[in-house]
């Protein structure tokens, strides 16, 4: 009887752990692996690529409602180039070189003038 209780608790604990794990997909595209992670409500949480096990290329993250929160570029695991972070009407623009912040600008009341989805 004691073993049955332990088995039941273990099985239940495993199911609960699976439900709290975010859904992730990995798709091989040449040398790169395209990665998507989803919030528990099904909305995309983040998307990007891996190269040799490290973040590489453009990465984008979203909140639970699907609103873009950040966009930037990795080069073999290091943040490079210009990154953008959106939070409650404020845009933070950060320039990186080899994972080190080179400059940062905080924009308030930023308005969308033009957009081109890539």
N, C-alpha and C. Protein backbone atom coordinates (compact mmCIF):
# COMPACT_ATOMS: atom_id res chain seq x y z
N UNK A 1 0.83 -1.20 0.00
CA UNK A 1 0.00 0.00 0.00
C UNK A 1 0.87 1.26 0.00
N UNK A 2 1.94 1.23 0.81
CA UNK A 2 2.83 2.37 0.89
C UNK A 2 3.47 2.64 -0.48
N UNK A 3 3.85 1.58 -1.19
CA UNK A 3 4.45 1.74 -2.51
C UNK A 3 3.46 2.37 -3.49
N UNK A 4 2.21 1.97 -3.40
CA UNK A 4 1.18 2.52 -4.28
C UNK A 4 1.02 4.01 -4.06
N UNK A 5 1.08 4.44 -2.81
CA UNK A 5 0.97 5.87 -2.49
C UNK A 5 2.16 6.62 -3.08
N UNK A 6 3.39 6.07 -2.91
CA UNK A 6 4.58 6.73 -3.45
C UNK A 6 4.52 6.81 -4.98
N UNK A 7 4.07 5.75 -5.62
CA UNK A 7 3.98 5.74 -7.08
C UNK A 7 2.96 6.78 -7.55
N UNK A 8 1.82 6.84 -6.85
CA UNK A 8 0.79 7.82 -7.20
C UNK A 8 1.30 9.24 -7.03
N UNK A 9 1.96 9.52 -5.90
CA UNK A 9 2.51 10.85 -5.67
C UNK A 9 3.57 11.21 -6.70
N UNK A 10 4.43 10.25 -7.04
CA UNK A 10 5.47 10.48 -8.04
C UNK A 10 4.85 10.79 -9.40
N UNK A 11 3.85 10.01 -9.80
CA UNK A 11 3.19 10.22 -11.10
C UNK A 11 2.50 11.57 -11.13
N UNK A 12 1.81 11.94 -10.04
CA UNK A 12 1.13 13.23 -9.98
C UNK A 12 2.14 14.37 -10.03
N UNK A 13 3.23 14.23 -9.29
CA UNK A 13 4.28 15.26 -9.30
C UNK A 13 4.88 15.43 -10.68
N UNK A 14 5.06 14.34 -11.42
CA UNK A 14 5.60 14.41 -12.77
C UNK A 14 4.63 15.14 -13.70
N UNK A 15 3.33 14.87 -13.56
CA UNK A 15 2.34 15.55 -14.40
C UNK A 15 2.30 17.04 -14.12
N UNK A 16 2.37 17.42 -12.85
CA UNK A 16 2.36 18.83 -12.49
C UNK A 16 3.60 19.51 -13.04
N UNK A 17 4.76 18.87 -12.95
CA UNK A 17 6.00 19.45 -13.47
C UNK A 17 5.89 19.64 -14.97
N UNK A 18 5.28 18.69 -15.68
CA UNK A 18 5.14 18.81 -17.13
C UNK A 18 4.23 19.98 -17.49
N UNK A 19 3.19 20.21 -16.70
CA UNK A 19 2.26 21.30 -16.99
C UNK A 19 2.89 22.66 -16.77
N UNK A 20 3.86 22.78 -15.86
CA UNK A 20 4.47 24.07 -15.59
C UNK A 20 5.66 24.34 -16.51
N UNK A 21 6.18 23.34 -17.18
CA UNK A 21 7.27 23.53 -18.13
C UNK A 21 6.75 24.27 -19.35
N UNK A 22 7.46 25.31 -19.80
CA UNK A 22 7.00 25.99 -21.01
C UNK A 22 7.17 25.09 -22.23
N UNK A 23 6.27 25.24 -23.21
CA UNK A 23 6.38 24.47 -24.44
C UNK A 23 7.50 25.08 -25.27
N UNK A 24 8.36 24.22 -25.81
CA UNK A 24 9.49 24.67 -26.61
C UNK A 24 9.55 23.85 -27.89
N UNK A 25 9.92 24.50 -28.98
CA UNK A 25 10.14 23.77 -30.23
C UNK A 25 11.53 24.09 -30.74
N UNK A 26 12.15 23.11 -31.37
CA UNK A 26 13.47 23.24 -31.96
C UNK A 26 13.40 22.66 -33.36
N UNK A 27 13.79 23.45 -34.36
CA UNK A 27 13.76 22.99 -35.75
C UNK A 27 15.12 23.27 -36.38
N UNK A 28 15.75 22.21 -36.88
CA UNK A 28 17.05 22.36 -37.54
C UNK A 28 16.88 23.06 -38.88
N UNK A 29 17.65 24.13 -39.10
CA UNK A 29 17.65 24.86 -40.37
C UNK A 29 19.10 25.06 -40.79
N UNK A 30 19.66 24.08 -41.51
CA UNK A 30 21.08 24.13 -41.86
C UNK A 30 21.91 23.98 -40.61
N UNK A 31 22.85 24.92 -40.39
CA UNK A 31 23.69 24.89 -39.19
C UNK A 31 22.98 25.47 -37.97
N UNK A 32 21.86 26.15 -38.19
CA UNK A 32 21.14 26.81 -37.10
C UNK A 32 19.99 25.95 -36.60
N UNK A 33 19.61 26.19 -35.36
CA UNK A 33 18.41 25.57 -34.78
C UNK A 33 17.45 26.70 -34.43
N UNK A 34 16.26 26.69 -35.06
CA UNK A 34 15.25 27.70 -34.78
C UNK A 34 14.51 27.30 -33.52
N UNK A 35 14.43 28.22 -32.56
CA UNK A 35 13.85 27.96 -31.25
C UNK A 35 12.63 28.84 -31.04
N UNK A 36 11.56 28.24 -30.55
CA UNK A 36 10.37 28.97 -30.10
C UNK A 36 10.01 28.49 -28.71
N UNK A 37 9.62 29.41 -27.84
CA UNK A 37 9.13 29.06 -26.51
C UNK A 37 7.80 29.77 -26.33
N UNK A 38 6.85 29.10 -25.68
CA UNK A 38 5.49 29.62 -25.55
C UNK A 38 5.09 29.79 -24.10
N UNK A 39 4.32 30.84 -23.83
CA UNK A 39 3.70 31.01 -22.52
C UNK A 39 2.66 29.90 -22.32
N UNK A 40 2.25 29.67 -21.09
CA UNK A 40 1.27 28.61 -20.82
C UNK A 40 -0.10 28.90 -21.46
N UNK A 41 -0.34 30.15 -21.90
CA UNK A 41 -1.60 30.46 -22.58
C UNK A 41 -1.50 30.26 -24.10
N UNK A 42 -0.35 29.77 -24.58
CA UNK A 42 -0.17 29.48 -25.99
C UNK A 42 0.48 30.60 -26.78
N UNK A 43 0.59 31.81 -26.19
CA UNK A 43 1.24 32.93 -26.88
C UNK A 43 2.75 32.70 -26.94
N UNK A 44 3.35 33.15 -28.03
CA UNK A 44 4.80 33.05 -28.20
C UNK A 44 5.50 33.88 -27.14
N UNK A 45 6.47 33.28 -26.46
CA UNK A 45 7.23 33.95 -25.42
C UNK A 45 8.54 34.50 -25.97
N UNK A 46 9.27 33.67 -26.73
CA UNK A 46 10.49 34.12 -27.35
C UNK A 46 10.82 33.25 -28.55
N UNK A 47 11.56 33.84 -29.47
CA UNK A 47 11.96 33.12 -30.67
C UNK A 47 13.35 33.59 -31.08
N UNK A 48 14.11 32.67 -31.62
CA UNK A 48 15.47 32.99 -32.05
C UNK A 48 16.16 31.75 -32.58
N UNK A 49 17.46 31.84 -32.68
CA UNK A 49 18.26 30.74 -33.23
C UNK A 49 19.41 30.39 -32.31
N UNK A 50 19.85 29.14 -32.44
CA UNK A 50 21.06 28.67 -31.77
C UNK A 50 22.06 28.25 -32.83
N UNK A 51 23.32 28.52 -32.55
CA UNK A 51 24.43 28.03 -33.37
C UNK A 51 25.44 27.44 -32.42
N UNK A 52 25.75 26.18 -32.61
CA UNK A 52 26.70 25.49 -31.73
C UNK A 52 26.31 25.63 -30.26
N UNK A 53 24.99 25.56 -29.99
CA UNK A 53 24.49 25.59 -28.62
C UNK A 53 24.39 26.97 -27.99
N UNK A 54 24.69 28.02 -28.77
CA UNK A 54 24.65 29.38 -28.23
C UNK A 54 23.64 30.22 -29.00
N UNK A 55 23.02 31.19 -28.30
CA UNK A 55 22.09 32.11 -28.95
C UNK A 55 22.82 32.79 -30.10
N UNK A 56 22.14 32.88 -31.26
CA UNK A 56 22.79 33.46 -32.43
C UNK A 56 21.75 34.07 -33.36
N UNK A 57 22.01 35.27 -33.85
CA UNK A 57 21.08 35.93 -34.74
C UNK A 57 20.04 36.72 -33.95
N UNK A 58 18.96 37.06 -34.62
CA UNK A 58 17.90 37.90 -34.03
C UNK A 58 17.07 37.09 -33.04
N UNK A 59 16.84 37.65 -31.86
CA UNK A 59 15.96 37.08 -30.84
C UNK A 59 14.90 38.12 -30.50
N UNK A 60 13.68 37.64 -30.33
CA UNK A 60 12.56 38.51 -29.99
C UNK A 60 11.79 37.88 -28.84
N UNK A 61 11.38 38.69 -27.86
CA UNK A 61 10.56 38.16 -26.76
C UNK A 61 9.25 38.93 -26.68
N UNK A 62 8.22 38.25 -26.17
CA UNK A 62 6.87 38.79 -26.09
C UNK A 62 6.29 38.53 -24.70
N UNK A 63 5.36 39.39 -24.28
CA UNK A 63 4.67 39.14 -23.01
C UNK A 63 3.51 38.17 -23.23
N UNK A 64 2.76 37.89 -22.19
CA UNK A 64 1.67 36.90 -22.25
C UNK A 64 0.54 37.31 -23.18
N UNK A 65 0.45 38.60 -23.50
CA UNK A 65 -0.61 39.07 -24.40
C UNK A 65 -0.11 39.15 -25.85
N UNK A 66 1.14 38.77 -26.11
CA UNK A 66 1.69 38.79 -27.45
C UNK A 66 2.33 40.11 -27.85
N UNK A 67 2.51 41.01 -26.89
CA UNK A 67 3.13 42.31 -27.17
C UNK A 67 4.65 42.14 -27.12
N UNK A 68 5.33 42.66 -28.15
CA UNK A 68 6.79 42.56 -28.23
C UNK A 68 7.42 43.33 -27.07
N UNK A 69 8.35 42.70 -26.37
CA UNK A 69 9.03 43.32 -25.23
C UNK A 69 10.50 43.58 -25.49
N UNK A 70 11.14 42.76 -26.34
CA UNK A 70 12.55 43.01 -26.66
C UNK A 70 12.90 42.40 -28.00
N UNK A 71 13.92 43.01 -28.62
CA UNK A 71 14.44 42.50 -29.89
C UNK A 71 15.91 42.87 -29.95
N UNK A 72 16.73 41.88 -30.30
CA UNK A 72 18.15 42.14 -30.39
C UNK A 72 18.87 41.02 -31.10
N UNK A 73 20.18 41.18 -31.21
CA UNK A 73 21.01 40.25 -31.96
C UNK A 73 22.08 39.65 -31.06
N UNK A 74 22.23 38.33 -31.19
CA UNK A 74 23.32 37.61 -30.55
C UNK A 74 24.33 37.18 -31.60
N UNK A 75 25.59 37.12 -31.23
CA UNK A 75 26.62 36.52 -32.05
C UNK A 75 27.33 35.48 -31.20
N UNK A 76 27.03 34.22 -31.46
CA UNK A 76 27.59 33.09 -30.71
C UNK A 76 27.51 33.30 -29.20
N UNK A 77 26.30 33.66 -28.75
CA UNK A 77 26.04 33.77 -27.31
C UNK A 77 26.26 35.14 -26.70
N UNK A 78 26.79 36.08 -27.47
CA UNK A 78 27.05 37.42 -26.94
C UNK A 78 26.10 38.44 -27.58
N UNK A 79 25.57 39.35 -26.76
CA UNK A 79 24.74 40.43 -27.29
C UNK A 79 25.62 41.38 -28.09
N UNK A 80 25.14 41.71 -29.30
CA UNK A 80 25.86 42.64 -30.17
C UNK A 80 24.86 43.58 -30.82
N UNK A 81 25.36 44.65 -31.36
CA UNK A 81 24.54 45.60 -32.12
C UNK A 81 23.47 46.25 -31.24
N UNK A 82 22.44 46.75 -31.87
CA UNK A 82 21.39 47.51 -31.18
C UNK A 82 20.28 46.59 -30.69
N UNK A 83 19.91 46.74 -29.43
CA UNK A 83 18.80 46.02 -28.81
C UNK A 83 17.73 47.03 -28.44
N UNK A 84 16.48 46.57 -28.46
CA UNK A 84 15.34 47.41 -28.08
C UNK A 84 14.55 46.68 -27.00
N UNK A 85 14.16 47.43 -25.96
CA UNK A 85 13.35 46.91 -24.87
C UNK A 85 12.16 47.84 -24.67
N UNK A 86 10.93 47.31 -24.77
CA UNK A 86 9.72 48.10 -24.60
C UNK A 86 9.09 47.76 -23.27
N UNK A 87 8.67 48.80 -22.52
CA UNK A 87 8.02 48.57 -21.24
C UNK A 87 7.16 49.78 -20.89
N UNK A 88 5.85 49.60 -20.92
CA UNK A 88 4.88 50.61 -20.48
C UNK A 88 5.14 51.99 -21.07
N UNK A 89 5.20 52.08 -22.39
CA UNK A 89 5.35 53.36 -23.06
C UNK A 89 6.76 53.89 -23.12
N UNK A 90 7.71 53.14 -22.59
CA UNK A 90 9.11 53.56 -22.61
C UNK A 90 9.89 52.59 -23.50
N UNK A 91 10.72 53.15 -24.36
CA UNK A 91 11.58 52.36 -25.21
C UNK A 91 13.02 52.57 -24.75
N UNK A 92 13.71 51.47 -24.48
CA UNK A 92 15.11 51.53 -24.11
C UNK A 92 15.91 50.97 -25.28
N UNK A 93 16.80 51.79 -25.81
CA UNK A 93 17.64 51.41 -26.96
C UNK A 93 19.06 51.24 -26.43
N UNK A 94 19.60 50.02 -26.55
CA UNK A 94 20.91 49.71 -25.98
C UNK A 94 21.82 49.16 -27.07
N UNK A 95 23.02 49.74 -27.17
CA UNK A 95 24.03 49.23 -28.10
C UNK A 95 25.02 48.36 -27.33
N UNK A 96 25.24 47.15 -27.87
CA UNK A 96 26.15 46.19 -27.25
C UNK A 96 27.32 45.89 -28.19
N UNK A 97 28.45 45.58 -27.59
CA UNK A 97 29.60 45.04 -28.32
C UNK A 97 30.18 43.94 -27.43
N UNK A 98 30.20 42.72 -27.95
CA UNK A 98 30.71 41.56 -27.19
C UNK A 98 30.10 41.46 -25.80
N UNK A 99 28.77 41.65 -25.72
CA UNK A 99 28.02 41.49 -24.47
C UNK A 99 28.21 42.64 -23.48
N UNK A 100 28.85 43.71 -23.91
CA UNK A 100 29.10 44.85 -23.03
C UNK A 100 28.31 46.05 -23.56
N UNK A 101 27.58 46.74 -22.68
CA UNK A 101 26.81 47.91 -23.07
C UNK A 101 27.77 49.03 -23.48
N UNK A 102 27.52 49.55 -24.68
CA UNK A 102 28.32 50.67 -25.19
C UNK A 102 27.59 52.00 -24.96
N UNK A 103 26.27 51.98 -25.12
CA UNK A 103 25.46 53.16 -24.87
C UNK A 103 24.02 52.73 -24.67
N UNK A 104 23.25 53.61 -24.05
CA UNK A 104 21.83 53.33 -23.84
C UNK A 104 21.05 54.64 -23.90
N UNK A 105 19.92 54.59 -24.56
CA UNK A 105 19.04 55.76 -24.67
C UNK A 105 17.64 55.35 -24.23
N UNK A 106 17.05 56.16 -23.38
CA UNK A 106 15.68 55.91 -22.91
C UNK A 106 14.76 56.89 -23.62
N UNK A 107 13.79 56.34 -24.36
CA UNK A 107 12.83 57.15 -25.10
C UNK A 107 11.47 57.06 -24.40
N UNK A 108 10.87 58.20 -24.13
CA UNK A 108 9.53 58.22 -23.55
C UNK A 108 8.54 58.67 -24.63
N UNK A 109 7.32 58.17 -24.52
CA UNK A 109 6.26 58.55 -25.46
C UNK A 109 6.67 58.34 -26.92
N UNK A 110 7.38 57.24 -27.16
CA UNK A 110 7.80 56.93 -28.53
C UNK A 110 6.58 56.59 -29.38
N UNK A 111 6.52 57.17 -30.57
CA UNK A 111 5.43 56.88 -31.50
C UNK A 111 5.96 56.08 -32.66
N UNK A 112 5.16 55.17 -33.15
CA UNK A 112 5.53 54.37 -34.29
C UNK A 112 5.37 55.22 -35.55
N UNK A 113 6.46 55.48 -36.24
CA UNK A 113 6.43 56.26 -37.47
C UNK A 113 6.38 55.37 -38.70
N UNK A 114 7.07 54.24 -38.60
CA UNK A 114 7.08 53.29 -39.72
C UNK A 114 7.47 51.94 -39.15
N UNK A 115 7.05 50.90 -39.84
CA UNK A 115 7.37 49.54 -39.39
C UNK A 115 7.52 48.63 -40.60
N UNK A 116 8.51 47.79 -40.53
CA UNK A 116 8.70 46.80 -41.58
C UNK A 116 9.05 45.49 -40.87
N UNK A 117 8.15 44.52 -40.93
CA UNK A 117 8.41 43.23 -40.30
C UNK A 117 9.43 42.48 -41.13
N UNK A 118 10.41 41.92 -40.46
CA UNK A 118 11.47 41.18 -41.16
C UNK A 118 11.29 39.71 -40.95
